[in-house]
Amino acid sequence: MEFLQALHKVRLDTFKRSIVLSAWAKLGLIPFNPAIVLSQIQIPLLWATTPVDAGSLDNHLLETPACARTLAVLADLLDQEEDEDT
């Protein structure tokens, strides 16, 4: 019961028009400004590079995959090699 009472007090103290409008402004919602959020997004390296070509597996076996698609291609090729060995 203490948690619910504390939650109610926190909501009363924080859920105010000025706080909500300030948060929306900081997020670029009102006034609309997507540059605020976009400037904070960093594209991870593994999504920013081109995936490996399936035909060049030998060149990439010792490298860390640069993107999720590359990892999927390498995993599929390794599975195929394992199936051929068994």
PDB file of N, CA and C in Angstrom:
ATOM      1  N   MET A   1       0.818  -1.193   0.000  1.00  0.00           N
ATOM      2  CA  MET A   1       0.000   0.000   0.000  1.00  0.00           C
ATOM      3  C   MET A   1       0.868   1.265   0.000  1.00  0.00           C
ATOM      4  N   GLU A   2       2.047   1.199   0.623  1.00  0.00           N
ATOM      5  CA  GLU A   2       2.921   2.357   0.661  1.00  0.00           C
ATOM      6  C   GLU A   2       3.343   2.768  -0.745  1.00  0.00           C
ATOM      7  N   PHE A   3       3.588   1.769  -1.600  1.00  0.00           N
ATOM      8  CA  PHE A   3       3.999   2.062  -2.975  1.00  0.00           C
ATOM      9  C   PHE A   3       2.925   2.851  -3.698  1.00  0.00           C
ATOM     10  N   LEU A   4       1.666   2.429  -3.580  1.00  0.00           N
ATOM     11  CA  LEU A   4       0.574   3.123  -4.263  1.00  0.00           C
ATOM     12  C   LEU A   4       0.407   4.549  -3.743  1.00  0.00           C
ATOM     13  N   GLN A   5       0.588   4.741  -2.463  1.00  0.00           N
ATOM     14  CA  GLN A   5       0.499   6.087  -1.903  1.00  0.00           C
ATOM     15  C   GLN A   5       1.645   6.955  -2.423  1.00  0.00           C
ATOM     16  N   ALA A   6       2.841   6.394  -2.458  1.00  0.00           N
ATOM     17  CA  ALA A   6       3.990   7.141  -2.967  1.00  0.00           C
ATOM     18  C   ALA A   6       3.808   7.452  -4.446  1.00  0.00           C
ATOM     19  N   LEU A   7       3.298   6.489  -5.189  1.00  0.00           N
ATOM     20  CA  LEU A   7       3.065   6.699  -6.620  1.00  0.00           C
ATOM     21  C   LEU A   7       2.059   7.822  -6.836  1.00  0.00           C
ATOM     22  N   HIS A   8       1.018   7.839  -6.056  1.00  0.00           N
ATOM     23  CA  HIS A   8       0.000   8.884  -6.174  1.00  0.00           C
ATOM     24  C   HIS A   8       0.620  10.264  -5.895  1.00  0.00           C
ATOM     25  N   LYS A   9       1.458  10.355  -4.869  1.00  0.00           N
ATOM     26  CA  LYS A   9       2.100  11.625  -4.540  1.00  0.00           C
ATOM     27  C   LYS A   9       3.042  12.064  -5.659  1.00  0.00           C
ATOM     28  N   VAL A  10       3.814  11.128  -6.203  1.00  0.00           N
ATOM     29  CA  VAL A  10       4.733  11.462  -7.296  1.00  0.00           C
ATOM     30  C   VAL A  10       3.952  11.962  -8.500  1.00  0.00           C
ATOM     31  N   ARG A  11       2.852  11.300  -8.815  1.00  0.00           N
ATOM     32  CA  ARG A  11       2.028  11.740  -9.957  1.00  0.00           C
ATOM     33  C   ARG A  11       1.482  13.147  -9.733  1.00  0.00           C
ATOM     34  N   LEU A  12       1.008  13.419  -8.538  1.00  0.00           N
ATOM     35  CA  LEU A  12       0.479  14.760  -8.248  1.00  0.00           C
ATOM     36  C   LEU A  12       1.564  15.818  -8.350  1.00  0.00           C
ATOM     37  N   ASP A  13       2.785  15.468  -7.913  1.00  0.00           N
ATOM     38  CA  ASP A  13       3.885  16.432  -7.917  1.00  0.00           C
ATOM     39  C   ASP A  13       4.476  16.650  -9.306  1.00  0.00           C
ATOM     40  N   THR A  14       4.396  15.665 -10.160  1.00  0.00           N
ATOM     41  CA  THR A  14       5.100  15.756 -11.446  1.00  0.00           C
ATOM     42  C   THR A  14       4.194  15.889 -12.661  1.00  0.00           C
ATOM     43  N   PHE A  15       2.999  15.426 -12.605  1.00  0.00           N
ATOM     44  CA  PHE A  15       2.123  15.449 -13.774  1.00  0.00           C
ATOM     45  C   PHE A  15       1.385  16.789 -13.828  1.00  0.00           C
ATOM     46  N   LYS A  16       2.157  17.797 -14.238  1.00  0.00           N
ATOM     47  CA  LYS A  16       1.625  19.155 -14.323  1.00  0.00           C
ATOM     48  C   LYS A  16       1.795  19.661 -15.745  1.00  0.00           C
ATOM     49  N   ARG A  17       0.955  20.584 -16.122  1.00  0.00           N
ATOM     50  CA  ARG A  17       0.977  21.120 -17.484  1.00  0.00           C
ATOM     51  C   ARG A  17       2.359  21.661 -17.863  1.00  0.00           C
ATOM     52  N   SER A  18       2.974  22.415 -16.978  1.00  0.00           N
ATOM     53  CA  SER A  18       4.272  23.025 -17.294  1.00  0.00           C
ATOM     54  C   SER A  18       5.350  21.958 -17.511  1.00  0.00           C
ATOM     55  N   ILE A  19       5.314  20.906 -16.731  1.00  0.00           N
ATOM     56  CA  ILE A  19       6.311  19.840 -16.868  1.00  0.00           C
ATOM     57  C   ILE A  19       6.093  19.074 -18.168  1.00  0.00           C
ATOM     58  N   VAL A  20       4.844  18.757 -18.487  1.00  0.00           N
ATOM     59  CA  VAL A  20       4.542  18.026 -19.717  1.00  0.00           C
ATOM     60  C   VAL A  20       4.935  18.856 -20.937  1.00  0.00           C
ATOM     61  N   LEU A  21       4.586  20.136 -20.959  1.00  0.00           N
ATOM     62  CA  LEU A  21       4.937  20.995 -22.092  1.00  0.00           C
ATOM     63  C   LEU A  21       6.451  21.152 -22.234  1.00  0.00           C
ATOM     64  N   SER A  22       7.144  21.244 -21.114  1.00  0.00           N
ATOM     65  CA  SER A  22       8.596  21.343 -21.148  1.00  0.00           C
ATOM     66  C   SER A  22       9.211  20.065 -21.719  1.00  0.00           C
ATOM     67  N   ALA A  23       8.712  18.922 -21.298  1.00  0.00           N
ATOM     68  CA  ALA A  23       9.220  17.644 -21.811  1.00  0.00           C
ATOM     69  C   ALA A  23       8.955  17.529 -23.303  1.00  0.00           C
ATOM     70  N   TRP A  24       7.762  17.906 -23.739  1.00  0.00           N
ATOM     71  CA  TRP A  24       7.436  17.834 -25.169  1.00  0.00           C
ATOM     72  C   TRP A  24       8.356  18.734 -25.983  1.00  0.00           C
ATOM     73  N   ALA A  25       8.657  19.910 -25.450  1.00  0.00           N
ATOM     74  CA  ALA A  25       9.552  20.833 -26.161  1.00  0.00           C
ATOM     75  C   ALA A  25      10.960  20.251 -26.256  1.00  0.00           C
ATOM     76  N   LYS A  26      11.439  19.638 -25.172  1.00  0.00           N
ATOM     77  CA  LYS A  26      12.780  19.044 -25.180  1.00  0.00           C
ATOM     78  C   LYS A  26      12.865  17.858 -26.135  1.00  0.00           C
ATOM     79  N   LEU A  27      11.737  17.214 -26.391  1.00  0.00           N
ATOM     80  CA  LEU A  27      11.699  16.081 -27.321  1.00  0.00           C
ATOM     81  C   LEU A  27      11.410  16.505 -28.754  1.00  0.00           C
ATOM     82  N   GLY A  28      11.156  17.779 -28.962  1.00  0.00           N
ATOM     83  CA  GLY A  28      10.886  18.271 -30.300  1.00  0.00           C
ATOM     84  C   GLY A  28       9.474  17.984 -30.784  1.00  0.00           C
ATOM     85  N   LEU A  29       8.567  17.754 -29.854  1.00  0.00           N
ATOM     86  CA  LEU A  29       7.182  17.475 -30.248  1.00  0.00           C
ATOM     87  C   LEU A  29       6.370  18.751 -30.437  1.00  0.00           C
ATOM     88  N   ILE A  30       6.499  19.699 -29.491  1.00  0.00           N
ATOM     89  CA  ILE A  30       5.782  20.968 -29.588  1.00  0.00           C
ATOM     90  C   ILE A  30       6.739  22.067 -29.165  1.00  0.00           C
ATOM     91  N   PRO A  31       7.160  22.959 -30.022  1.00  0.00           N
ATOM     92  CA  PRO A  31       6.901  22.943 -31.463  1.00  0.00           C
ATOM     93  C   PRO A  31       7.669  21.791 -32.121  1.00  0.00           C
ATOM     94  N   PHE A  32       7.108  21.300 -33.213  1.00  0.00           N
ATOM     95  CA  PHE A  32       7.671  20.143 -33.896  1.00  0.00           C
ATOM     96  C   PHE A  32       9.069  20.447 -34.409  1.00  0.00           C
ATOM     97  N   ASN A  33      10.048  19.666 -33.946  1.00  0.00           N
ATOM     98  CA  ASN A  33      11.432  19.849 -34.361  1.00  0.00           C
ATOM     99  C   ASN A  33      12.147  18.500 -34.281  1.00  0.00           C
ATOM    100  N   PRO A  34      12.029  17.662 -35.326  1.00  0.00           N
ATOM    101  CA  PRO A  34      12.646  16.330 -35.280  1.00  0.00           C
ATOM    102  C   PRO A  34      14.165  16.369 -35.194  1.00  0.00           C
ATOM    103  N   ALA A  35      14.776  17.489 -35.530  1.00  0.00           N
ATOM    104  CA  ALA A  35      16.237  17.591 -35.468  1.00  0.00           C
ATOM    105  C   ALA A  35      16.749  17.384 -34.047  1.00  0.00           C
ATOM    106  N   ILE A  36      15.943  17.710 -33.045  1.00  0.00           N
ATOM    107  CA  ILE A  36      16.353  17.524 -31.654  1.00  0.00           C
ATOM    108  C   ILE A  36      16.647  16.054 -31.380  1.00  0.00           C
ATOM    109  N   VAL A  37      15.762  15.185 -31.795  1.00  0.00           N
ATOM    110  CA  VAL A  37      15.948  13.749 -31.560  1.00  0.00           C
ATOM    111  C   VAL A  37      16.967  13.174 -32.533  1.00  0.00           C
ATOM    112  N   LEU A  38      16.855  13.541 -33.798  1.00  0.00           N
ATOM    113  CA  LEU A  38      17.747  12.978 -34.811  1.00  0.00           C
ATOM    114  C   LEU A  38      19.205  13.315 -34.539  1.00  0.00           C
ATOM    115  N   SER A  39      19.460  14.467 -33.942  1.00  0.00           N
ATOM    116  CA  SER A  39      20.844  14.839 -33.654  1.00  0.00           C
ATOM    117  C   SER A  39      21.450  13.974 -32.552  1.00  0.00           C
ATOM    118  N   GLN A  40      20.612  13.306 -31.778  1.00  0.00           N
ATOM    119  CA  GLN A  40      21.099  12.471 -30.683  1.00  0.00           C
ATOM    120  C   GLN A  40      21.215  10.993 -31.064  1.00  0.00           C
ATOM    121  N   ILE A  41      20.702  10.634 -32.221  1.00  0.00           N
ATOM    122  CA  ILE A  41      20.752   9.235 -32.640  1.00  0.00           C
ATOM    123  C   ILE A  41      22.079   8.971 -33.322  1.00  0.00           C
ATOM    124  N   GLN A  42      22.760   7.952 -32.844  1.00  0.00           N
ATOM    125  CA  GLN A  42      24.001   7.536 -33.472  1.00  0.00           C
ATOM    126  C   GLN A  42      23.755   6.190 -34.127  1.00  0.00           C
ATOM    127  N   ILE A  43      24.010   6.114 -35.422  1.00  0.00           N
ATOM    128  CA  ILE A  43      23.793   4.871 -36.136  1.00  0.00           C
ATOM    129  C   ILE A  43      24.910   3.905 -35.763  1.00  0.00           C
ATOM    130  N   PRO A  44      24.564   2.750 -35.220  1.00  0.00           N
ATOM    131  CA  PRO A  44      25.596   1.785 -34.874  1.00  0.00           C
ATOM    132  C   PRO A  44      26.367   1.345 -36.116  1.00  0.00           C
ATOM    133  N   LEU A  45      27.660   1.103 -35.941  1.00  0.00           N
ATOM    134  CA  LEU A  45      28.503   0.706 -37.048  1.00  0.00           C
ATOM    135  C   LEU A  45      27.973  -0.548 -37.731  1.00  0.00           C
ATOM    136  N   LEU A  46      27.396  -1.477 -36.973  1.00  0.00           N
ATOM    137  CA  LEU A  46      26.965  -2.710 -37.611  1.00  0.00           C
ATOM    138  C   LEU A  46      25.757  -2.539 -38.506  1.00  0.00           C
ATOM    139  N   TRP A  47      25.072  -1.426 -38.474  1.00  0.00           N
ATOM    140  CA  TRP A  47      23.982  -1.185 -39.418  1.00  0.00           C
ATOM    141  C   TRP A  47      24.414  -0.236 -40.524  1.00  0.00           C
ATOM    142  N   ALA A  48      25.585   0.368 -40.407  1.00  0.00           N
ATOM    143  CA  ALA A  48      25.981   1.405 -41.347  1.00  0.00           C
ATOM    144  C   ALA A  48      26.859   0.895 -42.478  1.00  0.00           C
ATOM    145  N   THR A  49      27.200  -0.374 -42.481  1.00  0.00           N
ATOM    146  CA  THR A  49      28.099  -0.882 -43.505  1.00  0.00           C
ATOM    147  C   THR A  49      27.376  -1.860 -44.413  1.00  0.00           C
ATOM    148  N   THR A  50      27.983  -2.131 -45.515  1.00  0.00           N
ATOM    149  CA  THR A  50      27.398  -3.032 -46.508  1.00  0.00           C
ATOM    150  C   THR A  50      27.649  -4.476 -46.102  1.00  0.00           C
ATOM    151  N   PRO A  51      26.675  -5.355 -46.242  1.00  0.00           N
ATOM    152  CA  PRO A  51      26.872  -6.755 -45.867  1.00  0.00           C
ATOM    153  C   PRO A  51      27.846  -7.464 -46.808  1.00  0.00           C
ATOM    154  N   VAL A  52      28.414  -8.537 -46.311  1.00  0.00           N
ATOM    155  CA  VAL A  52      29.370  -9.313 -47.096  1.00  0.00           C
ATOM    156  C   VAL A  52      28.644 -10.095 -48.187  1.00  0.00           C
ATOM    157  N   ASP A  53      29.282 -10.223 -49.307  1.00  0.00           N
ATOM    158  CA  ASP A  53      28.765 -11.033 -50.408  1.00  0.00           C
ATOM    159  C   ASP A  53      28.937 -12.504 -50.045  1.00  0.00           C
ATOM    160  N   ALA A  54      27.945 -13.302 -50.291  1.00  0.00           N
ATOM    161  CA  ALA A  54      28.001 -14.724 -49.935  1.00  0.00           C
ATOM    162  C   ALA A  54      29.166 -15.428 -50.608  1.00  0.00           C
ATOM    163  N   GLY A  55      29.589 -14.965 -51.774  1.00  0.00           N
ATOM    164  CA  GLY A  55      30.686 -15.610 -52.486  1.00  0.00           C
ATOM    165  C   GLY A  55      32.055 -15.317 -51.901  1.00  0.00           C
ATOM    166  N   SER A  56      32.142 -14.360 -50.982  1.00  0.00           N
ATOM    167  CA  SER A  56      33.444 -13.998 -50.436  1.00  0.00           C
ATOM    168  C   SER A  56      33.580 -14.415 -48.976  1.00  0.00           C
ATOM    169  N   LEU A  57      33.048 -15.560 -48.638  1.00  0.00           N
ATOM    170  CA  LEU A  57      33.070 -16.042 -47.261  1.00  0.00           C
ATOM    171  C   LEU A  57      34.488 -16.182 -46.730  1.00  0.00           C
ATOM    172  N   ASP A  58      35.397 -16.737 -47.524  1.00  0.00           N
ATOM    173  CA  ASP A  58      36.759 -16.980 -47.049  1.00  0.00           C
ATOM    174  C   ASP A  58      37.450 -15.695 -46.609  1.00  0.00           C
ATOM    175  N   ASN A  59      37.143 -14.594 -47.248  1.00  0.00           N
ATOM    176  CA  ASN A  59      37.774 -13.316 -46.902  1.00  0.00           C
ATOM    177  C   ASN A  59      37.276 -12.760 -45.578  1.00  0.00           C
ATOM    178  N   HIS A  60      36.130 -13.222 -45.087  1.00  0.00           N
ATOM    179  CA  HIS A  60      35.500 -12.604 -43.929  1.00  0.00           C
ATOM    180  C   HIS A  60      35.396 -13.516 -42.715  1.00  0.00           C
ATOM    181  N   LEU A  61      35.915 -14.723 -42.784  1.00  0.00           N
ATOM    182  CA  LEU A  61      35.755 -15.641 -41.656  1.00  0.00           C
ATOM    183  C   LEU A  61      36.455 -15.153 -40.392  1.00  0.00           C
ATOM    184  N   LEU A  62      37.553 -14.441 -40.512  1.00  0.00           N
ATOM    185  CA  LEU A  62      38.290 -13.993 -39.346  1.00  0.00           C
ATOM    186  C   LEU A  62      37.939 -12.573 -38.930  1.00  0.00           C
ATOM    187  N   GLU A  63      37.040 -11.918 -39.664  1.00  0.00           N
ATOM    188  CA  GLU A  63      36.637 -10.558 -39.332  1.00  0.00           C
ATOM    189  C   GLU A  63      35.331 -10.581 -38.532  1.00  0.00           C
ATOM    190  N   THR A  64      35.163  -9.591 -37.690  1.00  0.00           N
ATOM    191  CA  THR A  64      33.894  -9.429 -36.992  1.00  0.00           C
ATOM    192  C   THR A  64      32.867  -8.935 -37.997  1.00  0.00           C
ATOM    193  N   PRO A  65      31.692  -9.571 -38.070  1.00  0.00           N
ATOM    194  CA  PRO A  65      30.673  -9.108 -39.017  1.00  0.00           C
ATOM    195  C   PRO A  65      30.347  -7.634 -38.789  1.00  0.00           C
ATOM    196  N   ALA A  66      30.211  -6.904 -39.892  1.00  0.00           N
ATOM    197  CA  ALA A  66      29.994  -5.464 -39.818  1.00  0.00           C
ATOM    198  C   ALA A  66      28.528  -5.090 -39.684  1.00  0.00           C
ATOM    199  N   CYS A  67      27.625  -6.006 -39.967  1.00  0.00           N
ATOM    200  CA  CYS A  67      26.199  -5.706 -39.822  1.00  0.00           C
ATOM    201  C   CYS A  67      25.437  -7.009 -39.592  1.00  0.00           C
ATOM    202  N   ALA A  68      24.199  -6.866 -39.210  1.00  0.00           N
ATOM    203  CA  ALA A  68      23.378  -8.035 -38.890  1.00  0.00           C
ATOM    204  C   ALA A  68      23.166  -8.917 -40.122  1.00  0.00           C
ATOM    205  N   ARG A  69      23.028  -8.295 -41.291  1.00  0.00           N
ATOM    206  CA  ARG A  69      22.842  -9.088 -42.507  1.00  0.00           C
ATOM    207  C   ARG A  69      24.082  -9.910 -42.820  1.00  0.00           C
ATOM    208  N   THR A  70      25.257  -9.335 -42.587  1.00  0.00           N
ATOM    209  CA  THR A  70      26.495 -10.069 -42.803  1.00  0.00           C
ATOM    210  C   THR A  70      26.565 -11.266 -41.858  1.00  0.00           C
ATOM    211  N   LEU A  71      26.211 -11.053 -40.617  1.00  0.00           N
ATOM    212  CA  LEU A  71      26.210 -12.140 -39.645  1.00  0.00           C
ATOM    213  C   LEU A  71      25.263 -13.249 -40.078  1.00  0.00           C
ATOM    214  N   ALA A  72      24.089 -12.882 -40.567  1.00  0.00           N
ATOM    215  CA  ALA A  72      23.121 -13.883 -41.021  1.00  0.00           C
ATOM    216  C   ALA A  72      23.651 -14.670 -42.214  1.00  0.00           C
ATOM    217  N   VAL A  73      24.286 -13.984 -43.162  1.00  0.00           N
ATOM    218  CA  VAL A  73      24.856 -14.665 -44.332  1.00  0.00           C
ATOM    219  C   VAL A  73      25.941 -15.637 -43.892  1.00  0.00           C
ATOM    220  N   LEU A  74      26.838 -15.184 -43.021  1.00  0.00           N
ATOM    221  CA  LEU A  74      27.918 -16.051 -42.552  1.00  0.00           C
ATOM    222  C   LEU A  74      27.366 -17.246 -41.787  1.00  0.00           C
ATOM    223  N   ALA A  75      26.368 -17.029 -40.949  1.00  0.00           N
ATOM    224  CA  ALA A  75      25.768 -18.130 -40.193  1.00  0.00           C
ATOM    225  C   ALA A  75      25.137 -19.145 -41.136  1.00  0.00           C
ATOM    226  N   ASP A  76      24.419 -18.671 -42.146  1.00  0.00           N
ATOM    227  CA  ASP A  76      23.811 -19.585 -43.117  1.00  0.00           C
ATOM    228  C   ASP A  76      24.868 -20.383 -43.863  1.00  0.00           C
ATOM    229  N   LEU A  77      25.939 -19.714 -44.268  1.00  0.00           N
ATOM    230  CA  LEU A  77      26.996 -20.414 -44.997  1.00  0.00           C
ATOM    231  C   LEU A  77      27.696 -21.441 -44.117  1.00  0.00           C
ATOM    232  N   LEU A  78      27.913 -21.092 -42.861  1.00  0.00           N
ATOM    233  CA  LEU A  78      28.530 -22.054 -41.946  1.00  0.00           C
ATOM    234  C   LEU A  78      27.604 -23.237 -41.693  1.00  0.00           C
ATOM    235  N   ASP A  79      26.307 -22.987 -41.582  1.00  0.00           N
ATOM    236  CA  ASP A  79      25.340 -24.084 -41.429  1.00  0.00           C
ATOM    237  C   ASP A  79      25.364 -24.996 -42.647  1.00  0.00           C
ATOM    238  N   GLN A  80      25.448 -24.412 -43.828  1.00  0.00           N
ATOM    239  CA  GLN A  80      25.492 -25.210 -45.060  1.00  0.00           C
ATOM    240  C   GLN A  80      26.749 -26.061 -45.092  1.00  0.00           C
ATOM    241  N   GLU A  81      27.896 -25.492 -44.687  1.00  0.00           N
ATOM    242  CA  GLU A  81      29.125 -26.258 -44.656  1.00  0.00           C
ATOM    243  C   GLU A  81      29.026 -27.396 -43.655  1.00  0.00           C
ATOM    244  N   GLU A  82      28.404 -27.146 -42.517  1.00  0.00           N
ATOM    245  CA  GLU A  82      28.248 -28.185 -41.497  1.00  0.00           C
ATOM    246  C   GLU A  82      27.354 -29.303 -42.014  1.00  0.00           C
ATOM    247  N   ASP A  83      26.265 -28.939 -42.707  1.00  0.00           N
ATOM    248  CA  ASP A  83      25.375 -29.948 -43.272  1.00  0.00           C
ATOM    249  C   ASP A  83      26.097 -30.785 -44.321  1.00  0.00           C
ATOM    250  N   GLU A  84      26.967 -30.174 -45.103  1.00  0.00           N
ATOM    251  CA  GLU A  84      27.703 -30.908 -46.129  1.00  0.00           C
ATOM    252  C   GLU A  84      28.720 -31.846 -45.501  1.00  0.00           C
ATOM    253  N   ASP A  85      29.275 -31.485 -44.348  1.00  0.00           N
ATOM    254  CA  ASP A  85      30.265 -32.319 -43.670  1.00  0.00           C
ATOM    255  C   ASP A  85      29.635 -33.547 -43.024  1.00  0.00           C
ATOM    256  N   THR A  86      28.359 -33.459 -42.651  1.00  0.00           N
ATOM    257  CA  THR A  86      27.734 -34.574 -41.946  1.00  0.00           C
ATOM    258  C   THR A  86      27.023 -35.523 -42.839  1.00  0.00           C
TER     259      THR A  86
END
